[in-house]
Amino acid sequence: MEEKKGLRPPYATSGQVDQILDIFKRIAPRKIDAKFVIENKITTAPNAFKVLDFAKWLGIVDNSGNVREEISSKLRLVGEEREKFIAELVKKSYKDIFDSVNLEQARKDDIINYFVSHYKFGGSQALYAARLFMHLCQRTGVKVSEDLKKKTHTGTSSPKKYKIKSVKPDNKKITQNDERPLYNVPEEGTIVLSIVGNGLNRKVIARNKEELQELYEGKFKSLVEAAKLLFLEEEQKTDNHINESDEELEPD
C-alpha cells in the first residue's frame, strides 16, 4: 500500500462522494482540484479538501490531483461492471479494515474505534470516516451487519429549506418561517439558509452539521453583520424622520 503513504482515510459526506464518482458519467476531467470541486457544486470551498482526500485515497487522482486515466476510463462505464470496479477500489483502499474487522458481525462503534485507534482520528473525524466507509460498503454490495446498515447516507437531493427574513425596524428580531429552531438541524441532509432584506438576498448551503458550523464561523457571521447594518440604517432613517418632524420652527 505504498500509494497510501502520507494519506489518511477520508471523511467526506456520502453525498459528496457519490457526486465525485458519478461525475465521470458526464465528463472526463483531467485534473480534480479545489477549483473543479467548487465549480461543479460538489461542495463548498472550506470542504473541498475532503473531496480531494477521497479522490486520492481511492486512487482516482495522484497526489497532484491529476486523474489516472486507467481509473477514469472504468468510472465512465455503466451498469454492473462499473459497480464491480468501484467495489474493487473500495476493498483495495480500505484493505486494512476488511482484514481486521468482521463486518458481518461488527457494530458501528467498532468501525469508529478502528479509525480512532489505528489512524489517531478525533471522535468527530472518526464518526464521519466510519459513516463514509459504511456507505461505500452498502453502495458496493459488501455484506455487513444490520447495525452497519443504519443511516449511512449523509446527503440528500431534496434540500431542507430554512428561511431567515428581515422585519420592520421597530422589531429588531430576525424571524424564521419555520417554527423549528435554526440550531436544531437534522444530522443528515442539506440545509439551505436564506437571509433576505432591503438590498440583501443571500443563500448559504450546508450539507451536514460540520459544514453548517464552518458557515456559522465564516459566511453566516458576515451575513448577519450585514443584516444588522441594514437594520441600523433603517433605524437611523426613522430617527432622522422623527427629528425633522419634531423640529421647532423659529418665530418670524
Protein backbone atom coordinates (compact mmCIF):
# COMPACT_ATOMS: atom_id res chain seq x y z
CA MET A 1 0.00 0.00 0.00
CA GLU A 2 2.83 2.40 -0.82
CA GLU A 3 0.39 4.70 -2.60
CA LYS A 4 -1.31 5.36 0.74
CA LYS A 5 1.85 6.72 2.37
CA GLY A 6 1.04 10.06 3.95
CA LEU A 7 -2.71 9.66 3.33
CA ARG A 8 -5.43 9.12 5.88
CA PRO A 9 -8.95 7.77 5.28
CA PRO A 10 -11.32 10.48 4.01
CA TYR A 11 -14.30 11.77 5.95
CA ALA A 12 -16.28 13.50 3.22
CA THR A 13 -20.06 13.08 3.22
CA SER A 14 -21.61 10.28 1.21
CA GLY A 15 -23.38 12.85 -0.95
CA GLN A 16 -20.07 14.48 -1.92
CA VAL A 17 -18.51 11.10 -2.63
CA ASP A 18 -21.40 9.93 -4.80
CA GLN A 19 -21.15 13.14 -6.82
CA ILE A 20 -17.43 12.82 -7.47
CA LEU A 21 -17.84 9.17 -8.53
CA ASP A 22 -20.82 9.89 -10.75
CA ILE A 23 -19.35 12.99 -12.40
CA PHE A 24 -17.32 10.68 -14.67
CA LYS A 25 -20.59 9.63 -16.30
CA ARG A 26 -20.91 13.17 -17.67
CA ILE A 27 -17.39 14.45 -18.20
CA ALA A 28 -13.79 13.21 -18.32
CA PRO A 29 -11.79 15.59 -16.11
CA ARG A 30 -8.02 15.53 -16.43
CA LYS A 31 -7.48 17.11 -13.05
CA ILE A 32 -9.56 17.33 -9.90
CA ASP A 33 -8.61 20.20 -7.62
CA ALA A 34 -10.44 22.60 -5.30
CA LYS A 35 -11.49 24.83 -8.20
CA PHE A 36 -13.02 21.86 -10.06
CA VAL A 37 -14.88 20.68 -6.96
CA ILE A 38 -16.33 24.13 -6.26
CA GLU A 39 -17.26 24.95 -9.87
CA ASN A 40 -19.11 21.64 -10.21
CA LYS A 41 -21.00 22.37 -6.98
CA ILE A 42 -19.81 19.21 -5.28
CA THR A 43 -19.14 21.06 -2.04
CA THR A 44 -18.19 24.46 -0.64
CA ALA A 45 -14.68 25.90 -0.63
CA PRO A 46 -13.97 25.13 3.07
CA ASN A 47 -14.81 21.45 2.47
CA ALA A 48 -13.15 20.92 -0.91
CA PHE A 49 -10.14 19.24 0.71
CA LYS A 50 -12.36 16.41 1.98
CA VAL A 51 -13.44 15.53 -1.55
CA LEU A 52 -9.85 15.75 -2.79
CA ASP A 53 -8.71 13.48 0.04
CA PHE A 54 -11.31 10.92 -1.02
CA ALA A 55 -10.22 11.05 -4.68
CA LYS A 56 -6.60 10.50 -3.61
CA TRP A 57 -7.48 7.76 -1.14
CA LEU A 58 -9.43 5.77 -3.72
CA GLY A 59 -6.62 6.26 -6.25
CA ILE A 60 -8.74 8.27 -8.70
CA VAL A 61 -6.10 11.03 -8.74
CA ASP A 62 -2.44 11.22 -7.83
CA ASN A 63 -1.07 13.48 -5.09
CA SER A 64 -1.10 16.43 -7.52
CA GLY A 65 -4.76 15.94 -8.43
CA ASN A 66 -4.10 14.51 -11.89
CA VAL A 67 -6.77 11.97 -12.84
CA ARG A 68 -5.47 8.48 -13.54
CA GLU A 69 -6.76 7.55 -16.98
CA GLU A 70 -6.94 3.83 -16.21
CA ILE A 71 -9.30 4.64 -13.32
CA SER A 72 -11.23 7.35 -15.14
CA SER A 73 -12.00 5.14 -18.13
CA LYS A 74 -13.60 2.48 -15.94
CA LEU A 75 -15.60 5.03 -13.96
CA ARG A 76 -17.18 6.01 -17.27
CA LEU A 77 -18.59 2.52 -17.68
CA VAL A 78 -22.24 1.78 -16.94
CA GLY A 79 -24.10 -0.96 -15.15
CA GLU A 80 -22.79 -3.87 -13.12
CA GLU A 81 -19.25 -3.74 -14.50
CA ARG A 82 -18.83 -0.17 -13.24
CA GLU A 83 -20.14 -1.01 -9.76
CA LYS A 84 -17.84 -4.03 -9.54
CA PHE A 85 -14.88 -1.80 -10.37
CA ILE A 86 -15.86 0.71 -7.67
CA ALA A 87 -16.17 -2.20 -5.23
CA GLU A 88 -12.59 -3.24 -6.10
CA LEU A 89 -11.35 0.30 -5.44
CA VAL A 90 -13.10 0.37 -2.07
CA LYS A 91 -11.75 -3.03 -0.99
CA LYS A 92 -8.22 -2.09 -2.05
CA SER A 93 -8.33 1.33 -0.39
CA TYR A 94 -9.74 0.04 2.91
CA LYS A 95 -7.89 -3.29 2.84
CA ASP A 96 -6.67 -2.92 6.43
CA ILE A 97 -10.24 -2.62 7.76
CA PHE A 98 -11.50 -5.53 5.69
CA ASP A 99 -8.60 -7.64 7.00
CA SER A 100 -9.02 -6.57 10.64
CA VAL A 101 -12.77 -6.30 11.22
CA ASN A 102 -15.51 -8.88 10.71
CA LEU A 103 -18.03 -6.58 9.03
CA GLU A 104 -20.83 -9.14 9.17
CA GLN A 105 -20.65 -9.12 12.97
CA ALA A 106 -19.34 -5.60 13.68
CA ARG A 107 -21.23 -2.75 15.28
CA LYS A 108 -20.91 0.88 14.24
CA ASP A 109 -18.79 1.65 17.31
CA ASP A 110 -16.28 -1.00 16.20
CA ILE A 111 -15.66 0.89 12.96
CA ILE A 112 -15.44 4.26 14.71
CA ASN A 113 -13.00 2.88 17.27
CA TYR A 114 -10.87 1.40 14.50
CA PHE A 115 -10.38 4.85 12.96
CA VAL A 116 -9.62 6.31 16.40
CA SER A 117 -7.05 3.68 17.38
CA HIS A 118 -5.46 2.92 14.00
CA TYR A 119 -5.43 6.38 12.42
CA LYS A 120 -5.45 8.52 15.58
CA PHE A 121 -8.62 10.32 14.48
CA GLY A 122 -10.57 12.51 16.87
CA GLY A 123 -14.12 11.47 17.72
CA SER A 124 -15.82 13.65 15.11
CA GLN A 125 -13.43 12.72 12.29
CA ALA A 126 -13.71 9.03 13.16
CA LEU A 127 -17.50 9.22 13.10
CA TYR A 128 -17.59 10.82 9.64
CA ALA A 129 -14.90 8.46 8.30
CA ALA A 130 -16.86 5.47 9.61
CA ARG A 131 -20.10 6.70 8.05
CA LEU A 132 -18.41 7.13 4.70
CA PHE A 133 -16.86 3.66 4.87
CA MET A 134 -20.22 2.09 5.76
CA HIS A 135 -21.92 3.96 2.92
CA LEU A 136 -19.33 2.72 0.42
CA CYS A 137 -19.80 -0.83 1.68
CA GLN A 138 -23.54 -0.62 1.13
CA ARG A 139 -23.16 1.07 -2.24
CA THR A 140 -20.86 -1.68 -3.49
CA GLY A 141 -22.82 -4.58 -2.02
CA VAL A 142 -20.40 -5.60 0.73
CA LYS A 143 -22.08 -7.84 3.28
CA VAL A 144 -22.28 -6.03 6.62
CA SER A 145 -24.18 -6.43 9.87
CA GLU A 146 -27.61 -4.89 10.37
CA ASP A 147 -26.12 -2.29 12.70
CA LEU A 148 -23.76 -1.06 9.96
CA LYS A 149 -26.68 -0.56 7.57
CA LYS A 150 -28.25 2.20 9.65
CA LYS A 151 -28.16 5.79 8.39
CA THR A 152 -25.07 5.79 6.22
CA HIS A 153 -26.15 8.44 3.70
CA THR A 154 -25.13 11.99 4.65
CA GLY A 155 -26.51 13.96 1.73
CA THR A 156 -29.90 14.30 0.04
CA SER A 157 -31.09 15.54 -3.32
CA SER A 158 -34.03 17.40 -1.76
CA PRO A 159 -32.67 20.17 0.46
CA LYS A 160 -34.43 21.05 3.69
CA LYS A 161 -35.01 24.81 3.49
CA TYR A 162 -34.83 27.25 6.36
CA LYS A 163 -35.51 30.91 5.57
CA ILE A 164 -34.48 33.92 7.62
CA LYS A 165 -36.07 37.23 6.71
CA SER A 166 -35.78 40.80 7.93
CA VAL A 167 -38.68 42.52 9.67
CA LYS A 168 -39.69 46.11 10.38
CA PRO A 169 -37.06 48.32 12.05
CA ASP A 170 -39.16 48.69 15.21
CA ASN A 171 -38.88 44.93 15.74
CA LYS A 172 -35.18 44.10 15.99
CA LYS A 173 -35.61 40.32 15.79
CA ILE A 174 -34.73 38.11 12.85
CA THR A 175 -37.51 35.57 12.50
CA GLN A 176 -37.85 32.19 10.84
CA ASN A 177 -40.62 30.99 8.57
CA ASP A 178 -40.06 27.53 10.02
CA GLU A 179 -41.19 27.07 13.61
CA ARG A 180 -38.30 24.74 14.40
CA PRO A 181 -35.25 26.46 15.91
CA LEU A 182 -32.41 27.15 13.48
CA TYR A 183 -29.84 25.34 15.60
CA ASN A 184 -31.92 22.14 15.78
CA VAL A 185 -30.97 20.99 12.29
CA PRO A 186 -31.05 17.38 11.14
CA GLU A 187 -27.82 15.46 11.34
CA GLU A 188 -28.20 14.36 7.76
CA GLY A 189 -29.34 16.21 4.65
CA THR A 190 -28.74 19.58 3.09
CA ILE A 191 -29.64 22.83 4.82
CA VAL A 192 -30.28 25.98 2.79
CA LEU A 193 -30.20 29.24 4.75
CA SER A 194 -31.52 32.47 3.25
CA ILE A 195 -31.11 36.00 4.53
CA VAL A 196 -33.44 38.41 2.75
CA GLY A 197 -33.84 42.14 3.29
CA ASN A 198 -33.63 45.51 1.60
CA GLY A 199 -30.59 45.26 -0.63
CA LEU A 200 -29.70 41.83 0.77
CA ASN A 201 -30.61 38.45 -0.67
CA ARG A 202 -28.06 35.76 0.08
CA LYS A 203 -28.19 31.99 0.43
CA VAL A 204 -25.67 29.72 2.08
CA ILE A 205 -25.71 25.92 1.85
CA ALA A 206 -24.52 23.28 4.28
CA ARG A 207 -24.69 19.56 3.57
CA ASN A 208 -24.13 18.44 7.17
CA LYS A 209 -23.62 19.77 10.69
CA GLU A 210 -19.89 20.16 10.16
CA GLU A 211 -20.39 22.40 7.12
CA LEU A 212 -23.07 24.36 8.99
CA GLN A 213 -20.61 25.03 11.82
CA GLU A 214 -18.00 26.25 9.33
CA LEU A 215 -20.57 28.51 7.67
CA TYR A 216 -21.56 29.88 11.07
CA GLU A 217 -17.95 30.72 11.83
CA GLY A 218 -17.42 32.32 8.41
CA LYS A 219 -20.03 33.43 5.88
CA PHE A 220 -23.03 33.35 8.21
CA LYS A 221 -21.49 35.76 10.71
CA SER A 222 -20.66 38.24 7.96
CA LEU A 223 -24.20 37.99 6.56
CA VAL A 224 -25.70 38.59 9.99
CA GLU A 225 -23.46 41.62 10.41
CA ALA A 226 -24.70 42.90 7.04
CA ALA A 227 -28.28 42.39 8.21
CA LYS A 228 -27.53 44.36 11.37
CA LEU A 229 -26.21 47.24 9.28
CA LEU A 230 -29.43 47.27 7.28
CA PHE A 231 -31.46 47.46 10.48
CA LEU A 232 -29.21 50.26 11.73
CA GLU A 233 -29.64 52.23 8.51
CA GLU A 234 -33.42 51.85 8.68
CA GLU A 235 -33.38 52.91 12.33
CA GLN A 236 -31.31 55.99 11.55
CA LYS A 237 -33.70 56.94 8.73
CA THR A 238 -36.61 56.58 11.13
CA ASP A 239 -34.84 58.65 13.81
CA ASN A 240 -33.99 61.37 11.28
CA HIS A 241 -37.59 61.48 10.16
CA ILE A 242 -38.77 61.86 13.77
CA ASN A 243 -36.20 64.61 14.44
CA GLU A 244 -37.32 66.51 11.37
CA SER A 245 -40.97 66.21 12.38
CA ASP A 246 -40.29 67.36 15.98
CA GLU A 247 -38.08 70.28 14.98
CA GLU A 248 -39.43 73.56 16.39
CA LEU A 249 -39.97 76.40 13.94
CA GLU A 250 -38.16 79.65 14.62
CA PRO A 251 -40.58 82.59 15.11
CA ASP A 252 -40.72 85.05 12.24
